[in-house]
């Protein structure tokens, strides 16, 4: 009786799953960072007036 040897399976067959897992990991980490950023946001992104040591004309765009 002869037996047929099964082909040796390469570890490369998991390569697409590693890529998908890596992308999934990046998405989860980004979602956590967005949650932390939004949950710690104080509600004001800028000051209402310029600092005292900066004159108002420095805050405007240069003339063209």
Foldseek 3Di string as FASTA:
>chain_A
DDDDDDDDDDPCVCVVVVVVVVVVVVVVVVVVVVVVCVVPDPPDDDDPDDDPVDDPVVVDDDDD
